[in-house]
C-alpha atoms as a PDB file:
ATOM      1  CA  MET A   1     -31.630  -4.460   7.321  1.00  0.00           C
ATOM      2  CA  SER A   2     -28.393  -5.437   5.052  1.00  0.00           C
ATOM      3  CA  ILE A   3     -25.209  -4.721   6.859  1.00  0.00           C
ATOM      4  CA  PHE A   4     -24.355  -3.220   3.663  1.00  0.00           C
ATOM      5  CA  SER A   5     -24.323   0.005   2.021  1.00  0.00           C
ATOM      6  CA  THR A   6     -23.418   2.073  -0.869  1.00  0.00           C
ATOM      7  CA  GLU A   7     -22.377   4.966   1.410  1.00  0.00           C
ATOM      8  CA  THR A   8     -19.706   3.081   3.314  1.00  0.00           C
ATOM      9  CA  ILE A   9     -18.295   1.954  -0.545  1.00  0.00           C
ATOM     10  CA  VAL A  10     -15.146   4.108  -1.977  1.00  0.00           C
ATOM     11  CA  LEU A  11     -14.044   2.934  -4.887  1.00  0.00           C
ATOM     12  CA  GLN A  12     -10.799   5.370  -5.715  1.00  0.00           C
ATOM     13  CA  MET A  13      -9.769   5.720  -1.627  1.00  0.00           C
ATOM     14  CA  ALA A  14      -6.081   7.135  -1.680  1.00  0.00           C
ATOM     15  CA  ALA A  15      -4.642   6.359   1.683  1.00  0.00           C
ATOM     16  CA  LYS A  16      -1.049   6.446   2.144  1.00  0.00           C
ATOM     17  CA  ASP A  17      -0.442   4.035   4.988  1.00  0.00           C
ATOM     18  CA  LYS A  18      -2.871   1.037   6.893  1.00  0.00           C
ATOM     19  CA  GLN A  19      -3.707   4.069   9.767  1.00  0.00           C
ATOM     20  CA  ASP A  20      -4.726   6.079   6.965  1.00  0.00           C
ATOM     21  CA  ALA A  21      -6.957   3.008   5.486  1.00  0.00           C
ATOM     22  CA  LEU A  22      -8.544   2.406   8.628  1.00  0.00           C
ATOM     23  CA  THR A  23      -9.418   5.870   9.896  1.00  0.00           C
ATOM     24  CA  GLN A  24     -11.387   7.170   6.807  1.00  0.00           C
ATOM     25  CA  LEU A  25     -12.794   3.234   6.168  1.00  0.00           C
ATOM     26  CA  ALA A  26     -13.932   3.808   9.714  1.00  0.00           C
ATOM     27  CA  LYS A  27     -15.108   7.711   9.199  1.00  0.00           C
ATOM     28  CA  ARG A  28     -17.151   6.182   6.357  1.00  0.00           C
ATOM     29  CA  ILE A  29     -18.781   4.082   8.758  1.00  0.00           C
ATOM     30  CA  GLU A  30     -19.432   6.904  11.033  1.00  0.00           C
ATOM     31  CA  ALA A  31     -20.962   9.115   8.565  1.00  0.00           C
ATOM     32  CA  ALA A  32     -23.529   6.341   7.735  1.00  0.00           C
ATOM     33  CA  GLY A  33     -24.561   6.544  11.131  1.00  0.00           C
ATOM     34  CA  LYS A  34     -23.484   3.440  12.228  1.00  0.00           C
ATOM     35  CA  LEU A  35     -20.919   4.281  15.848  1.00  0.00           C
ATOM     36  CA  GLN A  36     -22.457   5.819  19.303  1.00  0.00           C
ATOM     37  CA  PRO A  37     -22.105   9.616  18.758  1.00  0.00           C
ATOM     38  CA  GLY A  38     -19.134  10.496  19.820  1.00  0.00           C
ATOM     39  CA  GLY A  39     -17.574   6.808  19.371  1.00  0.00           C
ATOM     40  CA  PHE A  40     -15.790   7.491  16.553  1.00  0.00           C
ATOM     41  CA  ASP A  41     -12.241   7.057  18.694  1.00  0.00           C
ATOM     42  CA  ASN A  42     -13.994   4.169  20.395  1.00  0.00           C
ATOM     43  CA  TYR A  43     -14.280   2.257  16.978  1.00  0.00           C
ATOM     44  CA  MET A  44     -10.995   3.073  15.861  1.00  0.00           C
ATOM     45  CA  LEU A  45      -8.964   1.385  19.566  1.00  0.00           C
ATOM     46  CA  SER A  46     -10.846  -1.449  18.559  1.00  0.00           C
ATOM     47  CA  LEU A  47      -9.794  -1.788  15.129  1.00  0.00           C
ATOM     48  CA  LEU A  48      -5.766  -0.752  15.996  1.00  0.00           C
ATOM     49  CA  LYS A  49      -5.983  -3.529  18.874  1.00  0.00           C
ATOM     50  CA  ARG A  50      -7.267  -6.013  17.169  1.00  0.00           C
ATOM     51  CA  GLU A  51      -4.264  -4.877  13.855  1.00  0.00           C
ATOM     52  CA  GLU A  52      -2.013  -5.613  16.798  1.00  0.00           C
ATOM     53  CA  GLU A  53      -2.979  -9.450  18.071  1.00  0.00           C
ATOM     54  CA  PHE A  54      -3.045 -10.534  14.506  1.00  0.00           C
ATOM     55  CA  SER A  55      -3.027  -8.875  11.098  1.00  0.00           C
ATOM     56  CA  THR A  56      -6.272  -8.737   9.348  1.00  0.00           C
ATOM     57  CA  ALA A  57      -4.580  -9.387   5.959  1.00  0.00           C
ATOM     58  CA  VAL A  58      -6.049 -12.454   3.935  1.00  0.00           C
ATOM     59  CA  GLY A  59      -4.046 -12.925   0.716  1.00  0.00           C
ATOM     60  CA  TYR A  60      -5.601 -11.418  -2.252  1.00  0.00           C
ATOM     61  CA  ASN A  61      -4.416  -7.840  -1.558  1.00  0.00           C
ATOM     62  CA  TYR A  62      -7.235  -8.270   0.328  1.00  0.00           C
ATOM     63  CA  ALA A  63      -7.207  -7.294   3.952  1.00  0.00           C
ATOM     64  CA  ILE A  64     -10.653  -7.423   6.639  1.00  0.00           C
ATOM     65  CA  PRO A  65      -9.954  -5.045   9.541  1.00  0.00           C
ATOM     66  CA  HIS A  66     -12.877  -5.395  12.263  1.00  0.00           C
ATOM     67  CA  GLY A  67     -13.534  -4.703  15.507  1.00  0.00           C
ATOM     68  CA  LYS A  68     -16.226  -5.106  18.098  1.00  0.00           C
ATOM     69  CA  SER A  69     -17.193  -2.376  20.489  1.00  0.00           C
ATOM     70  CA  ALA A  70     -19.673  -0.536  22.438  1.00  0.00           C
ATOM     71  CA  ALA A  71     -19.372   2.382  19.877  1.00  0.00           C
ATOM     72  CA  VAL A  72     -21.210   0.487  17.326  1.00  0.00           C
ATOM     73  CA  ALA A  73     -24.775   1.283  16.965  1.00  0.00           C
ATOM     74  CA  MET A  74     -25.531  -1.381  14.194  1.00  0.00           C
ATOM     75  CA  PRO A  75     -23.514  -4.169  12.267  1.00  0.00           C
ATOM     76  CA  ALA A  76     -21.930  -2.697   9.323  1.00  0.00           C
ATOM     77  CA  VAL A  77     -19.222  -3.902   6.448  1.00  0.00           C
ATOM     78  CA  ALA A  78     -17.334  -0.949   4.480  1.00  0.00           C
ATOM     79  CA  PHE A  79     -15.524  -1.348   1.026  1.00  0.00           C
ATOM     80  CA  ALA A  80     -12.759   0.085  -0.374  1.00  0.00           C
ATOM     81  CA  ARG A  81     -10.676  -0.077  -3.039  1.00  0.00           C
ATOM     82  CA  LEU A  82      -7.342   1.944  -2.892  1.00  0.00           C
ATOM     83  CA  THR A  83      -6.037   3.614  -5.848  1.00  0.00           C
ATOM     84  CA  GLN A  84      -2.228   1.616  -4.368  1.00  0.00           C
ATOM     85  CA  PRO A  85      -1.331  -0.870  -2.592  1.00  0.00           C
ATOM     86  CA  ILE A  86      -0.347   0.016   0.984  1.00  0.00           C
ATOM     87  CA  LEU A  87       1.747  -2.640   3.005  1.00  0.00           C
ATOM     88  CA  TRP A  88      -0.531  -3.758   5.542  1.00  0.00           C
ATOM     89  CA  ASP A  89       1.742  -6.527   7.770  1.00  0.00           C
ATOM     90  CA  GLU A  90       4.948  -5.963   7.430  1.00  0.00           C
ATOM     91  CA  GLU A  91       6.455  -8.832   9.314  1.00  0.00           C
ATOM     92  CA  GLU A  92       4.678 -11.257   6.795  1.00  0.00           C
ATOM     93  CA  ASP A  93       5.012  -8.586   3.693  1.00  0.00           C
ATOM     94  CA  ASP A  94       0.959  -8.805   3.275  1.00  0.00           C
ATOM     95  CA  TRP A  95      -0.162  -5.888   0.981  1.00  0.00           C
ATOM     96  CA  ALA A  96      -3.773  -4.534   0.430  1.00  0.00           C
ATOM     97  CA  GLU A  97      -5.123  -3.198  -2.247  1.00  0.00           C
ATOM     98  CA  ASN A  98      -9.228  -3.960  -1.324  1.00  0.00           C
ATOM     99  CA  LEU A  99     -10.602  -3.553   2.359  1.00  0.00           C
ATOM    100  CA  PHE A 100     -13.807  -4.604   4.047  1.00  0.00           C
ATOM    101  CA  MET A 101     -14.251  -3.352   7.444  1.00  0.00           C
ATOM    102  CA  ILE A 102     -16.294  -4.726   9.868  1.00  0.00           C
ATOM    103  CA  ALA A 103     -18.199  -3.156  13.088  1.00  0.00           C
ATOM    104  CA  VAL A 104     -20.085  -5.271  15.398  1.00  0.00           C
ATOM    105  CA  PRO A 105     -21.751  -4.214  18.184  1.00  0.00           C
ATOM    106  CA  ALA A 106     -19.397  -5.635  21.398  1.00  0.00           C
ATOM    107  CA  ALA A 107     -22.663  -6.902  22.803  1.00  0.00           C
ATOM    108  CA  SER A 108     -23.752  -9.052  19.788  1.00  0.00           C
ATOM    109  CA  ALA A 109     -20.304  -9.578  18.557  1.00  0.00           C
ATOM    110  CA  GLY A 110     -19.844 -13.066  18.883  1.00  0.00           C
ATOM    111  CA  ASP A 111     -21.854 -14.429  16.369  1.00  0.00           C
ATOM    112  CA  GLU A 112     -22.420 -12.571  14.492  1.00  0.00           C
ATOM    113  CA  HIS A 113     -19.040 -11.231  14.134  1.00  0.00           C
ATOM    114  CA  ILE A 114     -17.719 -14.620  13.101  1.00  0.00           C
ATOM    115  CA  LYS A 115     -20.823 -14.925  10.636  1.00  0.00           C
ATOM    116  CA  ILE A 116     -19.514 -11.870   8.687  1.00  0.00           C
ATOM    117  CA  LEU A 117     -15.911 -12.748   8.422  1.00  0.00           C
ATOM    118  CA  THR A 118     -16.704 -16.088   7.657  1.00  0.00           C
ATOM    119  CA  LYS A 119     -18.889 -14.972   4.563  1.00  0.00           C
ATOM    120  CA  LEU A 120     -16.645 -12.317   3.560  1.00  0.00           C
ATOM    121  CA  ALA A 121     -13.059 -14.633   3.923  1.00  0.00           C
ATOM    122  CA  ALA A 122     -15.144 -17.303   1.357  1.00  0.00           C
ATOM    123  CA  ALA A 123     -16.251 -14.684  -1.034  1.00  0.00           C
ATOM    124  CA  ILE A 124     -12.337 -13.353  -1.141  1.00  0.00           C
ATOM    125  CA  MET A 125     -11.373 -17.360  -2.379  1.00  0.00           C
ATOM    126  CA  ASP A 126     -13.414 -16.684  -5.235  1.00  0.00           C
ATOM    127  CA  ASP A 127     -11.770 -15.316  -8.063  1.00  0.00           C
ATOM    128  CA  ASP A 128     -15.519 -14.745  -9.504  1.00  0.00           C
ATOM    129  CA  PHE A 129     -15.615 -12.273  -6.596  1.00  0.00           C
ATOM    130  CA  ARG A 130     -12.788 -10.853  -6.898  1.00  0.00           C
ATOM    131  CA  GLU A 131     -12.566 -10.063 -10.565  1.00  0.00           C
ATOM    132  CA  HIS A 132     -16.429  -8.748 -10.318  1.00  0.00           C
ATOM    133  CA  LEU A 133     -15.079  -6.338  -7.774  1.00  0.00           C
ATOM    134  CA  ASP A 134     -12.204  -5.391  -9.584  1.00  0.00           C
ATOM    135  CA  GLN A 135     -14.337  -4.194 -12.454  1.00  0.00           C
ATOM    136  CA  ALA A 136     -17.578  -2.550 -11.283  1.00  0.00           C
ATOM    137  CA  LYS A 137     -17.684   0.941 -12.058  1.00  0.00           C
ATOM    138  CA  ASP A 138     -19.541   2.097  -8.637  1.00  0.00           C
ATOM    139  CA  ALA A 139     -20.958   1.565  -5.150  1.00  0.00           C
ATOM    140  CA  SER A 140     -24.440  -0.172  -6.492  1.00  0.00           C
ATOM    141  CA  GLU A 141     -22.164  -2.492  -7.708  1.00  0.00           C
ATOM    142  CA  VAL A 142     -20.508  -3.422  -5.673  1.00  0.00           C
ATOM    143  CA  LEU A 143     -23.695  -3.358  -3.233  1.00  0.00           C
ATOM    144  CA  ASP A 144     -24.864  -5.865  -5.489  1.00  0.00           C
ATOM    145  CA  ILE A 145     -21.844  -8.447  -5.524  1.00  0.00           C
ATOM    146  CA  MET A 146     -21.155  -8.537  -2.263  1.00  0.00           C
ATOM    147  CA  ASN A 147     -24.740  -9.368  -1.653  1.00  0.00           C
ATOM    148  CA  LYS A 148     -24.883 -12.025  -4.352  1.00  0.00           C
ATOM    149  CA  PHE A 149     -21.911 -13.460  -2.856  1.00  0.00           C
ATOM    150  CA  THR A 150     -22.470 -13.648   0.502  1.00  0.00           C
ATOM    151  CA  ALA A 151     -26.186 -13.890   0.643  1.00  0.00           C
END
């Protein structure tokens, strides 16, 4: 089973700030059935705690928020292309316009979490990957790009 799905891809997400973006994308992961029943708040706490420790902005107007939580039923990656860039890290003046959100069960977080994060970070460094994502017209196209560049 793939960690990517069209259900967790949003190409025109309007978010007023980081908190709003995290909430909207986490709700997508919940709606796709990737969280335990009633696990939304716990998963959100894991995302916010991670952001407090260190910003997940990775450059190129991308951020990779991620949470390891017992509230996660199965690993998933969501993607959002924002309608307007938002300030992701005020201290570093990092902005985000594209988000990859990783959800990983706490019990299997170690290796799996790092593998996903490493593959996404490497893909984001690739000019072709970013250009293809910018030009993608629908969720299926984004899914194909993500699978191709992170295989």
